[in-house]
Amino acid sequence: MGRNKEARSATIGIVLALCLTAYAGAVVLAAPEAQKRALPWDVLALSQTPKVHPTTERPAKGMRSFFYEGADYKGKPTWVFAYYATPEGNPPEGGWPAVVCAHGGGGTAFPAWVTQWNKNGYAALAMDLEGHLPGGNFFGVEGNHPPDQGHENAGPKRISWFGDIALPDNEQWFYHAVADVIRAQSLLRSFPEINPKKIGLTGISWGGVIASTVAGVDPRFAFVVPVYGGAFIRKHEMNPEQYSDYCNKWDPSAHLPHAQMPMLWVSSFTEPVFPVNLFSKAAETAAGTSILCIRPWLPHGHGFGWEEVWEITAFANSIAKTDAAMAKIEPPQIDPTDGLVHAKCTGDIKNAAVGFTTATGEWKNQALSSIPCSIGKGEVIATQKLPENTSAFIINANDNRDACVNSVLTVVKP
């Protein structure tokens, strides 16, 4: 899939290990109801074109590398390292569509991610969100430089799961990560070869959390694709005041009700870090059209989240190009007249089934049983009733292109 075995092993051994370590100390709490969101970012200022500083640091073949200025940190602008490239040839009429790529925990600006989008006909910008220069020897990073190496104009780095919550807003990592992503779009919009109306955003793991918040903060993005990471993730060390502040300010659940652009939510039923029930709830919270793509199995890590889910490109092409829209499954309901699960749908569904579980408690690596569905005009219907002790169910389907699409997860018993 365009990636060597050494890089694949590095992803599993480093990124997944870091994510699992973080997950071990986290607990999920119910979000307070009817909280008013807070916006600590000066979105108008971040929407202005940032200054760019050329650099000879960390060159990558076929890439343009530079620093662009992010939000201020301790009295001066941060410098954000980025790779940028466009597809070969002349841009189409109106300019190239483009994508901003937000990495996850243990990640950095990855040239291979930019290259992947270039191959699919998109310009792309991948930045480092933790004040680092790219290091390591995978996903196109060259030179055998050490990872996690900072620089003199760096912003803050992430401290576990919002471990810097006691600091002022503009000294917290999440504040800067969101600002860096908004500024990345502002920069792309200033490039004459880019179509400013066709700029999307995708993020992996922590980048998915960032992308989910940005979706409700910066309405200029044409589409957003969170992978693995979503909303409703809390940290138990927070005191009640910090927890309330976090829910209003940082968690994507506070901002997704303001996200109007189409979103594709990509994850796996075996996802070990961000539980699928909360990921589905995040998709349901967004104000615009949300399509879920929950794979039966998808390893958690960089590379997997951009190379092995071709539905991401299909979704982007349906927004930024002229490809047909992906199918969409509406929230399933149990029809009281026949006791069967029904779900409205759009697009051409080739096959569908109801996945269900009778397990309760924390959702993690949940195994699903299956009931086939019949496919009617604009609707899928289960061929038999769910067991009485069903705790949750979801529609799993494939469209006529074999794209994986799902309904949101319906939780009957928490």
Protein backbone atom coordinates (compact mmCIF):
# COMPACT_ATOMS: atom_id res chain seq x y z
CA MET A 1 0.00 0.00 0.00
CA GLY A 2 2.92 2.35 -0.65
CA ARG A 3 4.54 1.85 2.76
CA ASN A 4 7.29 -0.52 3.84
CA LYS A 5 7.03 -3.08 6.65
CA GLU A 6 9.48 -1.19 8.84
CA ALA A 7 7.28 1.89 8.79
CA ARG A 8 4.20 -0.21 9.54
CA SER A 9 5.94 -1.80 12.54
CA ALA A 10 7.10 1.59 13.77
CA THR A 11 3.53 2.85 13.69
CA ILE A 12 2.19 -0.08 15.69
CA GLY A 13 5.05 -0.08 18.14
CA ILE A 14 5.19 3.66 18.82
CA VAL A 15 1.86 5.30 18.07
CA LEU A 16 -0.43 2.53 19.26
CA ALA A 17 1.66 1.97 22.38
CA LEU A 18 1.47 5.65 23.25
CA CYS A 19 -2.26 5.76 22.65
CA LEU A 20 -2.93 2.65 24.72
CA THR A 21 -0.84 4.03 27.57
CA ALA A 22 -2.87 7.22 27.48
CA TYR A 23 -6.14 5.32 27.37
CA ALA A 24 -5.26 3.26 30.43
CA GLY A 25 -5.51 6.36 32.65
CA ALA A 26 -8.63 7.82 31.10
CA VAL A 27 -12.24 7.45 32.07
CA VAL A 28 -15.40 8.49 30.30
CA LEU A 29 -17.84 10.79 32.06
CA ALA A 30 -21.21 12.05 30.91
CA ALA A 31 -21.10 15.57 29.50
CA PRO A 32 -23.04 18.20 31.44
CA GLU A 33 -26.27 19.07 29.69
CA ALA A 34 -27.10 22.42 28.06
CA GLN A 35 -23.68 24.00 28.59
CA LYS A 36 -22.86 27.12 26.66
CA ARG A 37 -19.68 26.79 24.67
CA ALA A 38 -16.74 29.14 25.11
CA LEU A 39 -14.50 30.27 22.25
CA PRO A 40 -11.01 31.13 23.51
CA TRP A 41 -9.67 31.56 19.96
CA ASP A 42 -9.66 34.84 18.06
CA VAL A 43 -11.00 33.19 14.92
CA LEU A 44 -11.01 36.43 12.92
CA ALA A 45 -7.31 36.98 13.62
CA LEU A 46 -6.47 33.35 12.88
CA SER A 47 -8.35 33.65 9.57
CA GLN A 48 -5.78 36.15 8.33
CA THR A 49 -2.86 34.93 6.21
CA PRO A 50 0.05 34.02 8.51
CA LYS A 51 3.63 35.03 7.93
CA VAL A 52 5.81 32.31 6.39
CA HIS A 53 9.46 31.76 7.27
CA PRO A 54 11.55 29.72 4.81
CA THR A 55 13.77 27.02 6.29
CA THR A 56 16.41 24.53 5.28
CA GLU A 57 15.50 22.32 8.25
CA ARG A 58 14.25 18.80 7.55
CA PRO A 59 13.97 18.89 3.73
CA ALA A 60 11.91 16.17 2.05
CA LYS A 61 12.03 15.20 -1.61
CA GLY A 62 9.30 16.84 -3.66
CA MET A 63 8.11 18.93 -0.72
CA ARG A 64 8.22 22.59 0.14
CA SER A 65 9.06 22.99 3.85
CA PHE A 66 8.66 26.15 5.90
CA PHE A 67 7.46 27.59 9.19
CA TYR A 68 4.22 29.54 9.37
CA GLU A 69 3.19 31.64 12.35
CA GLY A 70 0.55 30.28 14.69
CA ALA A 71 -0.98 31.83 17.82
CA ASP A 72 1.12 33.83 20.27
CA TYR A 73 2.79 31.94 23.10
CA LYS A 74 4.40 33.75 26.02
CA GLY A 75 4.46 37.05 24.18
CA LYS A 76 5.59 36.02 20.70
CA PRO A 77 4.17 34.15 17.70
CA THR A 78 4.78 30.42 17.51
CA TRP A 79 6.41 28.98 14.41
CA VAL A 80 4.75 25.86 13.03
CA PHE A 81 6.79 23.52 10.83
CA ALA A 82 4.97 22.27 7.72
CA TYR A 83 5.39 20.30 4.51
CA TYR A 84 3.41 21.33 1.44
CA ALA A 85 3.11 20.02 -2.11
CA THR A 86 0.71 20.02 -5.04
CA PRO A 87 -0.01 17.29 -7.63
CA GLU A 88 2.13 17.22 -10.75
CA GLY A 89 1.05 19.36 -13.69
CA ASN A 90 -1.02 22.50 -13.96
CA PRO A 91 -3.86 23.15 -11.53
CA PRO A 92 -7.42 22.68 -12.79
CA GLU A 93 -9.65 25.65 -13.47
CA GLY A 94 -10.30 27.37 -10.15
CA GLY A 95 -7.24 25.81 -8.50
CA TRP A 96 -6.36 22.56 -6.78
CA PRO A 97 -8.57 21.21 -4.03
CA ALA A 98 -6.50 20.90 -0.87
CA VAL A 99 -6.37 19.10 2.46
CA VAL A 100 -4.92 20.02 5.85
CA CYS A 101 -3.48 16.94 7.64
CA ALA A 102 -3.45 16.93 11.46
CA HIS A 103 -1.33 14.16 13.01
CA GLY A 104 -2.00 12.20 16.18
CA GLY A 105 -0.06 11.37 19.33
CA GLY A 106 3.58 10.59 18.67
CA GLY A 107 3.25 12.07 15.19
CA THR A 108 4.67 15.03 13.33
CA ALA A 109 4.47 16.56 9.85
CA PHE A 110 4.52 13.52 7.55
CA PRO A 111 5.63 13.93 3.89
CA ALA A 112 4.03 10.59 2.95
CA TRP A 113 0.61 11.91 3.98
CA VAL A 114 1.06 14.88 1.67
CA THR A 115 2.20 12.57 -1.13
CA GLN A 116 -0.85 10.35 -0.67
CA TRP A 117 -3.21 13.28 -1.21
CA ASN A 118 -1.12 14.54 -4.13
CA LYS A 119 -1.57 11.17 -5.84
CA ASN A 120 -5.32 11.58 -5.44
CA GLY A 121 -5.31 15.01 -7.08
CA TYR A 122 -5.15 17.26 -4.01
CA ALA A 123 -2.63 19.74 -2.71
CA ALA A 124 -1.87 19.04 0.93
CA LEU A 125 -0.24 20.60 3.96
CA ALA A 126 0.93 18.55 6.95
CA MET A 127 2.19 20.40 10.01
CA ASP A 128 3.73 19.53 13.35
CA LEU A 129 1.30 20.36 16.14
CA GLU A 130 3.60 19.99 19.14
CA GLY A 131 6.38 22.48 18.43
CA HIS A 132 8.70 19.84 16.98
CA LEU A 133 10.80 19.39 13.90
CA PRO A 134 10.05 16.15 12.01
CA GLY A 135 12.14 13.19 13.17
CA GLY A 136 12.27 9.44 12.93
CA ASN A 137 12.60 7.42 9.77
CA PHE A 138 9.07 6.64 8.62
CA PHE A 139 6.26 8.14 6.50
CA GLY A 140 8.70 10.07 4.34
CA VAL A 141 10.67 11.82 7.09
CA GLU A 142 14.29 11.86 5.97
CA GLY A 143 17.68 12.31 7.57
CA ASN A 144 17.50 10.02 10.62
CA HIS A 145 16.87 12.97 12.92
CA PRO A 146 15.70 12.31 16.48
CA PRO A 147 11.95 12.58 17.09
CA ASP A 148 10.41 15.14 19.46
CA GLN A 149 13.14 17.70 18.84
CA GLY A 150 11.90 21.22 19.56
CA HIS A 151 13.01 24.58 18.19
CA GLU A 152 13.37 28.06 19.62
CA ASN A 153 10.02 29.40 18.36
CA ALA A 154 7.99 26.36 19.37
CA GLY A 155 4.61 26.33 21.02
CA PRO A 156 3.67 23.92 23.85
CA LYS A 157 3.62 20.15 23.47
CA ARG A 158 0.82 17.84 24.57
CA ILE A 159 0.84 16.61 28.16
CA SER A 160 -1.13 13.37 28.34
CA TRP A 161 -4.93 13.83 28.27
CA PHE A 162 -5.30 17.60 28.84
CA GLY A 163 -2.66 17.47 31.56
CA ASP A 164 -2.07 21.22 31.18
CA ILE A 165 -5.69 22.15 31.97
CA ALA A 166 -4.60 24.34 34.94
CA LEU A 167 -2.56 26.67 32.71
CA PRO A 168 -3.97 29.82 31.05
CA ASP A 169 -5.87 29.08 27.84
CA ASN A 170 -3.19 30.42 25.51
CA GLU A 171 -0.53 28.26 27.17
CA GLN A 172 -2.39 24.99 26.72
CA TRP A 173 -1.49 22.61 23.92
CA PHE A 174 -5.03 22.13 22.61
CA TYR A 175 -5.51 25.88 22.20
CA HIS A 176 -2.43 26.02 19.97
CA ALA A 177 -3.20 22.83 18.04
CA VAL A 178 -6.63 24.15 17.02
CA ALA A 179 -5.13 27.55 16.18
CA ASP A 180 -2.40 25.91 14.06
CA VAL A 181 -4.99 24.03 12.00
CA ILE A 182 -7.08 27.15 11.42
CA ARG A 183 -3.96 29.06 10.41
CA ALA A 184 -3.00 26.26 8.00
CA GLN A 185 -6.23 26.79 6.10
CA SER A 186 -5.69 30.55 6.13
CA LEU A 187 -2.29 29.99 4.55
CA LEU A 188 -3.61 27.62 1.88
CA ARG A 189 -6.33 30.09 0.94
CA SER A 190 -3.62 32.65 0.11
CA PHE A 191 -1.88 30.37 -2.43
CA PRO A 192 -2.97 31.24 -6.00
CA GLU A 193 -2.88 27.59 -7.11
CA ILE A 194 -5.44 26.56 -4.46
CA ASN A 195 -9.23 26.68 -4.77
CA PRO A 196 -10.22 28.36 -1.47
CA LYS A 197 -13.71 26.83 -1.60
CA LYS A 198 -12.36 23.28 -1.75
CA ILE A 199 -10.11 22.95 1.29
CA GLY A 200 -10.78 19.98 3.56
CA LEU A 201 -9.36 18.80 6.87
CA THR A 202 -8.51 15.34 8.14
CA GLY A 203 -6.99 14.30 11.44
CA ILE A 204 -5.83 10.98 12.90
CA SER A 205 -6.28 10.00 16.58
CA TRP A 206 -5.52 13.18 18.55
CA GLY A 207 -5.68 14.91 15.17
CA GLY A 208 -9.24 13.58 14.85
CA VAL A 209 -10.12 15.23 18.16
CA ILE A 210 -8.58 18.49 16.96
CA ALA A 211 -10.37 18.23 13.60
CA SER A 212 -13.70 17.62 15.37
CA THR A 213 -13.30 20.82 17.38
CA VAL A 214 -12.07 22.83 14.40
CA ALA A 215 -15.13 21.71 12.41
CA GLY A 216 -17.31 23.75 14.76
CA VAL A 217 -14.92 26.68 15.06
CA ASP A 218 -13.78 27.36 11.47
CA PRO A 219 -16.73 27.17 9.02
CA ARG A 220 -14.50 27.72 5.99
CA PHE A 221 -13.54 24.05 5.63
CA ALA A 222 -15.41 22.34 2.79
CA PHE A 223 -15.31 18.92 4.49
CA VAL A 224 -13.80 17.33 7.60
CA VAL A 225 -12.69 13.71 8.17
CA PRO A 226 -11.89 12.70 11.76
CA VAL A 227 -10.20 9.30 11.99
CA TYR A 228 -10.35 7.35 15.29
CA GLY A 229 -10.57 10.48 17.49
CA GLY A 230 -13.83 12.29 18.19
CA ALA A 231 -15.55 13.78 21.23
CA PHE A 232 -16.73 12.97 24.77
CA ILE A 233 -13.30 11.93 26.09
CA ARG A 234 -12.57 13.13 29.63
CA LYS A 235 -9.70 12.89 32.10
CA HIS A 236 -10.36 11.93 35.69
CA GLU A 237 -7.65 14.11 37.29
CA MET A 238 -9.68 17.26 36.51
CA ASN A 239 -11.39 18.93 39.44
CA PRO A 240 -15.07 19.92 38.94
CA GLU A 241 -14.22 23.48 37.84
CA GLN A 242 -11.62 22.28 35.35
CA TYR A 243 -13.96 19.62 34.04
CA SER A 244 -16.73 22.15 33.44
CA ASP A 245 -14.25 24.49 31.75
CA TYR A 246 -12.99 21.63 29.58
CA CYS A 247 -16.49 20.61 28.49
CA ASN A 248 -17.38 24.16 27.48
CA LYS A 249 -14.12 25.06 25.82
CA TRP A 250 -12.05 22.18 24.50
CA ASP A 251 -14.13 19.05 24.01
CA PRO A 252 -15.45 18.75 20.45
CA SER A 253 -18.95 18.07 21.81
CA ALA A 254 -19.21 21.79 22.63
CA HIS A 255 -18.37 22.80 19.05
CA LEU A 256 -19.81 20.09 16.81
CA PRO A 257 -23.38 21.50 17.05
CA HIS A 258 -21.95 24.44 15.07
CA ALA A 259 -20.25 22.28 12.41
CA GLN A 260 -22.27 22.68 9.21
CA MET A 261 -19.91 21.13 6.65
CA PRO A 262 -20.20 17.46 5.57
CA MET A 263 -18.11 15.10 7.70
CA LEU A 264 -16.91 11.53 7.27
CA TRP A 265 -16.18 9.70 10.53
CA VAL A 266 -13.72 6.81 10.16
CA SER A 267 -12.94 4.22 12.81
CA SER A 268 -13.11 0.51 13.63
CA PHE A 269 -15.17 -1.74 15.85
CA THR A 270 -11.85 -2.89 17.34
CA GLU A 271 -10.69 0.68 18.07
CA PRO A 272 -8.75 0.53 21.37
CA VAL A 273 -8.39 4.22 22.24
CA PHE A 274 -11.56 6.13 21.33
CA PRO A 275 -14.63 3.94 22.00
CA VAL A 276 -16.95 3.52 19.02
CA ASN A 277 -20.08 4.39 21.00
CA LEU A 278 -18.66 7.83 21.82
CA PHE A 279 -17.28 8.24 18.31
CA SER A 280 -20.77 7.57 16.93
CA LYS A 281 -22.25 10.01 19.42
CA ALA A 282 -19.81 12.67 18.18
CA ALA A 283 -20.96 12.12 14.59
CA GLU A 284 -24.57 12.46 15.70
CA THR A 285 -23.74 15.74 17.49
CA ALA A 286 -22.47 17.51 14.35
CA ALA A 287 -24.96 19.89 12.76
CA GLY A 288 -24.17 19.04 9.14
CA THR A 289 -24.32 15.79 7.21
CA SER A 290 -22.31 13.05 8.92
CA ILE A 291 -21.44 9.73 7.30
CA LEU A 292 -19.92 6.96 9.38
CA CYS A 293 -17.37 4.49 8.01
CA ILE A 294 -16.70 1.97 10.78
CA ARG A 295 -14.45 -0.80 9.53
CA PRO A 296 -14.66 -4.28 11.09
CA TRP A 297 -10.93 -4.05 11.77
CA LEU A 298 -8.54 -1.15 11.31
CA PRO A 299 -5.29 -0.84 13.30
CA HIS A 300 -4.87 2.38 15.21
CA GLY A 301 -1.99 4.42 13.82
CA HIS A 302 -0.65 6.83 11.26
CA GLY A 303 -0.53 5.39 7.77
CA PHE A 304 -3.42 3.03 8.39
CA GLY A 305 -5.63 6.08 8.76
CA TRP A 306 -4.80 7.49 5.35
CA GLU A 307 -3.70 4.60 3.13
CA GLU A 308 -6.11 1.80 3.99
CA VAL A 309 -9.43 3.65 4.01
CA TRP A 310 -10.12 4.49 0.39
CA GLU A 311 -13.55 5.83 1.40
CA ILE A 312 -11.79 9.00 2.61
CA THR A 313 -10.83 9.89 -0.95
CA ALA A 314 -14.26 8.87 -2.27
CA PHE A 315 -15.87 11.19 0.26
CA ALA A 316 -13.51 14.07 -0.52
CA ASN A 317 -14.12 13.61 -4.26
CA SER A 318 -17.88 13.80 -3.70
CA ILE A 319 -17.41 17.24 -2.14
CA ALA A 320 -14.41 18.78 -3.91
CA LYS A 321 -14.79 17.05 -7.28
CA THR A 322 -17.70 15.65 -9.29
CA ASP A 323 -17.87 12.09 -7.97
CA ALA A 324 -21.19 10.71 -6.77
CA ALA A 325 -22.12 11.21 -3.13
CA MET A 326 -21.51 8.35 -0.73
CA ALA A 327 -24.50 6.45 0.57
CA LYS A 328 -25.87 7.47 3.95
CA ILE A 329 -27.75 5.40 6.52
CA GLU A 330 -30.09 7.33 8.80
CA PRO A 331 -30.37 6.44 12.52
CA PRO A 332 -32.04 3.01 12.82
CA GLN A 333 -35.33 2.57 14.66
CA ILE A 334 -37.28 -0.43 15.90
CA ASP A 335 -40.65 -0.23 14.14
CA PRO A 336 -43.42 -0.96 16.70
CA THR A 337 -45.66 -2.47 14.02
CA ASP A 338 -43.34 -5.36 13.15
CA GLY A 339 -40.65 -5.19 15.85
CA LEU A 340 -37.88 -5.05 13.23
CA VAL A 341 -35.03 -2.57 12.85
CA HIS A 342 -35.67 -0.12 10.01
CA ALA A 343 -33.33 2.56 8.67
CA LYS A 344 -33.87 5.10 5.92
CA CYS A 345 -31.02 5.44 3.46
CA THR A 346 -29.85 7.40 0.45
CA GLY A 347 -27.63 6.14 -2.36
CA ASP A 348 -27.30 2.64 -3.78
CA ILE A 349 -26.94 0.11 -0.96
CA LYS A 350 -25.65 -3.27 -2.14
CA ASN A 351 -25.86 -5.18 1.13
CA ALA A 352 -26.63 -4.42 4.76
CA ALA A 353 -26.89 -6.09 8.15
CA VAL A 354 -27.77 -5.11 11.71
CA GLY A 355 -24.81 -5.52 14.01
CA PHE A 356 -25.80 -5.90 17.64
CA THR A 357 -24.39 -6.74 21.05
CA THR A 358 -25.83 -7.86 24.37
CA ALA A 359 -22.82 -6.69 26.37
CA THR A 360 -23.05 -3.70 28.70
CA GLY A 361 -20.51 -1.41 30.34
CA GLU A 362 -17.43 0.15 28.75
CA TRP A 363 -17.38 -0.19 24.98
CA LYS A 364 -14.01 -1.54 23.95
CA ASN A 365 -13.24 -4.07 21.19
CA GLN A 366 -16.91 -5.00 21.23
CA ALA A 367 -17.82 -8.12 19.22
CA LEU A 368 -21.05 -7.83 17.23
CA SER A 369 -23.52 -10.48 16.15
CA SER A 370 -25.29 -9.93 12.83
CA ILE A 371 -28.77 -10.06 11.30
CA PRO A 372 -29.09 -9.68 7.49
CA CYS A 373 -31.23 -6.87 6.12
CA SER A 374 -33.48 -6.71 3.12
CA ILE A 375 -32.99 -3.66 0.94
CA GLY A 376 -35.98 -1.72 -0.27
CA LYS A 377 -36.43 1.64 -1.93
CA GLY A 378 -34.76 4.14 0.38
CA GLU A 379 -34.83 1.76 3.35
CA VAL A 380 -33.07 -1.26 4.85
CA ILE A 381 -35.03 -3.63 7.11
CA ALA A 382 -33.77 -6.38 9.41
CA THR A 383 -34.98 -9.86 8.49
CA GLN A 384 -35.58 -10.83 12.12
CA LYS A 385 -36.06 -9.18 15.51
CA LEU A 386 -33.24 -8.28 17.84
CA PRO A 387 -32.83 -10.40 20.98
CA GLU A 388 -34.62 -8.95 24.00
CA ASN A 389 -31.35 -8.38 25.87
CA THR A 390 -29.75 -6.32 23.06
CA SER A 391 -27.78 -3.41 24.51
CA ALA A 392 -26.78 -1.62 21.27
CA PHE A 393 -27.18 -1.99 17.51
CA ILE A 394 -25.94 -0.41 14.29
CA ILE A 395 -26.49 -0.83 10.54
CA ASN A 396 -23.42 -2.00 8.64
CA ALA A 397 -23.64 -1.63 4.87
CA ASN A 398 -21.77 -1.40 1.58
CA ASP A 399 -22.79 0.74 -1.35
CA ASN A 400 -22.48 -0.17 -5.02
CA ARG A 401 -18.79 0.88 -4.96
CA ASP A 402 -18.19 -1.36 -1.91
CA ALA A 403 -17.70 1.70 0.27
CA CYS A 404 -18.26 0.87 3.93
CA VAL A 405 -21.03 3.00 5.47
CA ASN A 406 -22.80 2.76 8.80
CA SER A 407 -25.63 4.26 10.76
CA VAL A 408 -24.98 5.80 14.14
CA LEU A 409 -24.90 3.34 17.02
CA THR A 410 -28.19 3.07 18.93
CA VAL A 411 -27.58 2.34 22.60
CA VAL A 412 -30.46 0.58 24.31
CA LYS A 413 -28.76 -0.28 27.61
CA PRO A 414 -25.62 1.63 28.66
